[in-house]
Structure formats: structure tokens, C-alpha cells
Amino acid sequence: MCLAVPGQVIRWVRSEFPFVEAEVDFLGVRRLCNLACVPDAQPGDYVIVHAGVAIARVDEAAAQQSLVDLRSLGADESEDEFA
């Protein structure tokens, strides 16, 4: 089963394609993610991340609803769920 998780872009780390990376926050857990598929994302934007790659931008309401749904499943019990 594959799971893509919403996270908030905190800051750009690298902007040279294809090594486009940003720090992304997942419920307080921060990871570096590749943003080559969403190069127009800005700090504060929400992105959907699968396997360390941001695959789409998403509006804040949709991201927050996804996080609520994940919490209701107990997914925020361990940061490993978001790695």
C-alpha cells in the first residue's frame, strides 16, 4: 500500500534541477523532500509527499482535512508513519 502525506514547505534548501529540495514539516517532523515535480511551491504552501518526493500542491483546507483523517487513524502516533 502506498501513502502520500501532506506537509508544509518550510524553506528551500536547493533549487538546482533535478536536485530541488525543500524542508517540509509533517506534524512537527521535518524532512528534506525533492520538489522537482512542484517547482512553483513556496514556503507556507502544502504539498503531497510520497517516498520523499512532493508530487502535488494542495490547498491548506485539503491538507488539514487529510491530517485530521490521519490522526483519527492513529497515524500521528509515530513519526515513522511519515518517513
Protein backbone atom coordinates (compact mmCIF):
# COMPACT_ATOMS: atom_id res chain seq x y z
CA MET A 1 0.00 0.00 0.00
CA CYS A 2 1.25 3.48 -0.85
CA LEU A 3 0.58 6.52 1.25
CA ALA A 4 1.12 10.14 0.31
CA VAL A 5 1.08 12.63 3.18
CA PRO A 6 0.53 16.39 3.20
CA GLY A 7 3.27 18.58 4.59
CA GLN A 8 4.02 22.28 4.72
CA VAL A 9 7.02 23.68 2.87
CA ILE A 10 9.23 25.46 5.41
CA ARG A 11 12.19 26.61 3.33
CA TRP A 12 14.01 25.88 0.10
CA VAL A 13 17.35 24.13 0.51
CA ARG A 14 18.43 23.62 -3.14
CA SER A 15 16.90 24.99 -6.31
CA GLU A 16 19.09 23.40 -8.99
CA PHE A 17 17.04 20.98 -11.11
CA PRO A 18 16.79 17.99 -10.67
CA PHE A 19 18.11 18.26 -7.11
CA VAL A 20 15.35 20.61 -5.99
CA GLU A 21 14.94 20.18 -2.24
CA ALA A 22 12.99 21.86 0.50
CA GLU A 23 12.47 21.29 4.18
CA VAL A 24 8.89 20.08 4.71
CA ASP A 25 7.06 19.84 8.04
CA PHE A 26 4.84 16.81 8.75
CA LEU A 27 3.04 17.40 12.07
CA GLY A 28 6.23 18.71 13.65
CA VAL A 29 8.58 16.23 11.97
CA ARG A 30 10.76 17.94 9.37
CA ARG A 31 12.29 16.16 6.40
CA LEU A 32 14.10 17.18 3.22
CA CYS A 33 11.95 16.37 0.19
CA ASN A 34 12.51 16.60 -3.55
CA LEU A 35 10.27 19.27 -5.05
CA ALA A 36 11.18 18.83 -8.74
CA CYS A 37 7.54 17.98 -9.56
CA VAL A 38 6.26 21.14 -7.85
CA PRO A 39 8.94 23.78 -8.52
CA ASP A 40 6.43 26.61 -8.00
CA ALA A 41 5.78 25.67 -4.35
CA GLN A 42 6.64 28.43 -1.90
CA PRO A 43 7.31 28.39 1.85
CA GLY A 44 3.94 28.08 3.57
CA ASP A 45 2.41 26.01 0.76
CA TYR A 46 1.21 22.48 1.39
CA VAL A 47 2.41 19.61 -0.79
CA ILE A 48 1.54 15.93 -1.01
CA VAL A 49 4.68 13.82 -0.47
CA HIS A 50 5.18 10.20 -1.44
CA ALA A 51 8.50 8.43 -0.77
CA GLY A 52 10.31 11.72 -0.20
CA VAL A 53 9.05 13.36 -3.40
CA ALA A 54 6.43 16.12 -3.42
CA ILE A 55 4.04 15.14 -6.18
CA ALA A 56 1.44 17.92 -6.00
CA ARG A 57 0.49 21.16 -4.29
CA VAL A 58 -2.70 21.11 -2.27
CA ASP A 59 -4.68 23.88 -0.61
CA GLU A 60 -4.46 24.28 3.14
CA ALA A 61 -8.03 23.13 3.81
CA ALA A 62 -7.49 19.84 1.98
CA ALA A 63 -4.14 19.32 3.72
CA GLN A 64 -5.64 19.97 7.14
CA GLN A 65 -8.55 17.60 6.46
CA SER A 66 -6.10 14.87 5.40
CA LEU A 67 -4.12 15.40 8.60
CA VAL A 68 -7.31 15.17 10.68
CA ASP A 69 -8.18 11.93 8.90
CA LEU A 70 -4.68 10.53 9.52
CA ARG A 71 -4.86 11.49 13.19
CA SER A 72 -8.21 9.71 13.51
CA LEU A 73 -6.50 6.56 12.24
CA GLY A 74 -3.72 6.96 14.81
CA ALA A 75 -1.12 7.71 12.15
CA ASP A 76 0.48 10.50 14.18
CA GLU A 77 1.41 8.13 16.99
CA SER A 78 4.82 7.53 15.38
CA GLU A 79 6.92 9.68 13.09
CA ASP A 80 7.78 6.51 11.16
CA GLU A 81 4.34 6.76 9.54
CA PHE A 82 5.55 9.88 7.73
CA ALA A 83 9.06 8.75 6.78
